[in-house]
């Protein structure tokens, strides 16, 4: 099965993406997500790394672990602790807008926390 998608995701883009099928407690449905991978990665692999944008997970928001999206096109907050890699063509990626650099750096700082040694 192939999907037509002329759009190539770029780092800092906020996109629509199909998260289904999903299992267990994974994010579900078509929803906005923040692209955290480079355009070159998408071009070479056909994949995109994203963090979902959500309205839930109040316990993380209270601890400052979600990054609010400042946009009139998207409502919610980025969850840097759920990093996904998807085939952006098969998941019907569509650009919505772009996240400002200051907020994007906060997302990067939080998801690096997962991978860095202390």
Protein backbone atom coordinates (compact mmCIF):
# COMPACT_ATOMS: atom_id res chain seq x y z
CA UNK A 1 0.00 0.00 0.00
CA UNK A 2 1.35 3.42 -0.89
CA UNK A 3 0.15 6.85 0.07
CA UNK A 4 0.66 10.12 -1.76
CA UNK A 5 2.27 12.79 0.32
CA UNK A 6 4.25 15.62 -1.26
CA UNK A 7 4.93 17.20 2.12
CA UNK A 8 8.30 16.43 3.75
CA UNK A 9 8.25 17.06 7.53
CA UNK A 10 10.82 19.43 9.01
CA UNK A 11 12.03 19.88 12.57
CA UNK A 12 9.71 22.23 14.53
CA UNK A 13 6.72 21.59 12.24
CA UNK A 14 3.43 20.83 13.93
CA UNK A 15 1.61 18.27 11.83
CA UNK A 16 -1.55 16.19 11.70
CA UNK A 17 -0.70 12.49 11.94
CA UNK A 18 -2.65 9.22 12.23
CA UNK A 19 -1.55 7.44 15.43
CA UNK A 20 -3.82 4.42 14.85
CA UNK A 21 -3.39 1.53 15.01
CA UNK A 22 -2.20 1.80 18.59
CA UNK A 23 -2.14 -0.61 21.51
CA UNK A 24 -2.43 -0.34 25.27
CA UNK A 25 -1.88 3.17 26.63
CA UNK A 26 -0.34 4.52 23.41
CA UNK A 27 -1.66 7.79 21.97
CA UNK A 28 -4.56 7.16 19.60
CA UNK A 29 -6.46 8.72 16.70
CA UNK A 30 -5.50 11.44 14.26
CA UNK A 31 -3.96 14.25 16.23
CA UNK A 32 -1.36 16.99 16.08
CA UNK A 33 2.27 16.18 16.77
CA UNK A 34 5.56 18.07 16.89
CA UNK A 35 8.30 16.97 14.47
CA UNK A 36 11.63 16.54 16.29
CA UNK A 37 13.63 14.96 13.45
CA UNK A 38 15.44 16.67 10.60
CA UNK A 39 14.06 16.97 7.07
CA UNK A 40 17.07 15.02 5.79
CA UNK A 41 16.07 12.07 7.99
CA UNK A 42 12.58 12.10 6.45
CA UNK A 43 13.98 12.30 2.92
CA UNK A 44 16.43 9.43 3.45
CA UNK A 45 14.21 7.07 5.44
CA UNK A 46 10.58 8.01 4.83
CA UNK A 47 10.14 8.28 8.59
CA UNK A 48 9.52 11.15 10.98
CA UNK A 49 10.16 11.34 14.74
CA UNK A 50 7.39 13.14 16.62
CA UNK A 51 6.08 13.96 20.07
CA UNK A 52 2.27 13.98 20.36
CA UNK A 53 0.26 17.03 21.32
CA UNK A 54 -2.30 16.20 23.98
CA UNK A 55 -4.90 17.65 26.33
CA UNK A 56 -4.55 14.93 28.96
CA UNK A 57 -1.84 13.89 31.37
CA UNK A 58 -2.51 16.62 33.91
CA UNK A 59 -0.01 15.02 36.32
CA UNK A 60 2.81 15.79 33.84
CA UNK A 61 1.54 19.31 33.19
CA UNK A 62 1.51 20.08 36.92
CA UNK A 63 5.20 19.10 37.09
CA UNK A 64 6.14 21.28 34.11
CA UNK A 65 6.85 18.25 31.93
CA UNK A 66 4.58 19.24 29.03
CA UNK A 67 5.27 22.18 26.71
CA UNK A 68 2.18 24.26 25.85
CA UNK A 69 1.65 25.01 22.17
CA UNK A 70 1.24 28.71 21.43
CA UNK A 71 -0.81 28.75 18.24
CA UNK A 72 -4.26 29.77 17.08
CA UNK A 73 -4.30 26.60 14.92
CA UNK A 74 -3.49 23.99 17.58
CA UNK A 75 -4.57 23.63 21.20
CA UNK A 76 -2.77 21.44 23.72
CA UNK A 77 0.72 20.64 24.95
CA UNK A 78 3.63 18.61 23.58
CA UNK A 79 4.46 15.45 25.52
CA UNK A 80 8.22 14.98 25.06
CA UNK A 81 8.11 11.69 26.98
CA UNK A 82 6.23 9.87 24.22
CA UNK A 83 8.61 9.89 21.28
CA UNK A 84 7.35 8.05 18.17
CA UNK A 85 8.80 7.26 14.76
CA UNK A 86 6.31 6.81 11.91
CA UNK A 87 6.20 6.42 8.14
CA UNK A 88 4.93 9.95 7.48
CA UNK A 89 3.40 9.06 4.11
CA UNK A 90 1.39 6.09 5.40
CA UNK A 91 0.31 8.11 8.45
CA UNK A 92 -0.98 10.95 6.22
CA UNK A 93 1.19 13.75 7.62
CA UNK A 94 -0.08 17.27 6.93
CA UNK A 95 1.59 20.46 8.11
CA UNK A 96 -0.47 22.70 10.39
CA UNK A 97 2.04 25.32 11.54
CA UNK A 98 5.53 25.67 13.04
CA UNK A 99 6.57 25.85 16.70
CA UNK A 100 8.68 28.80 17.79
CA UNK A 101 12.33 28.06 18.58
CA UNK A 102 12.16 28.88 22.30
CA UNK A 103 9.35 26.39 22.96
CA UNK A 104 10.98 23.81 20.68
CA UNK A 105 14.20 24.03 22.70
CA UNK A 106 12.20 23.30 25.86
CA UNK A 107 10.81 20.16 24.21
CA UNK A 108 14.33 19.08 23.20
CA UNK A 109 15.59 19.69 26.73
CA UNK A 110 12.84 17.51 28.19
CA UNK A 111 13.17 14.59 25.78
CA UNK A 112 16.98 14.61 26.14
CA UNK A 113 16.38 13.97 29.83
CA UNK A 114 15.23 10.47 28.81
CA UNK A 115 18.48 9.61 27.02
CA UNK A 116 21.25 11.45 28.85
CA UNK A 117 23.33 9.84 31.57
CA UNK A 118 23.30 11.62 34.90
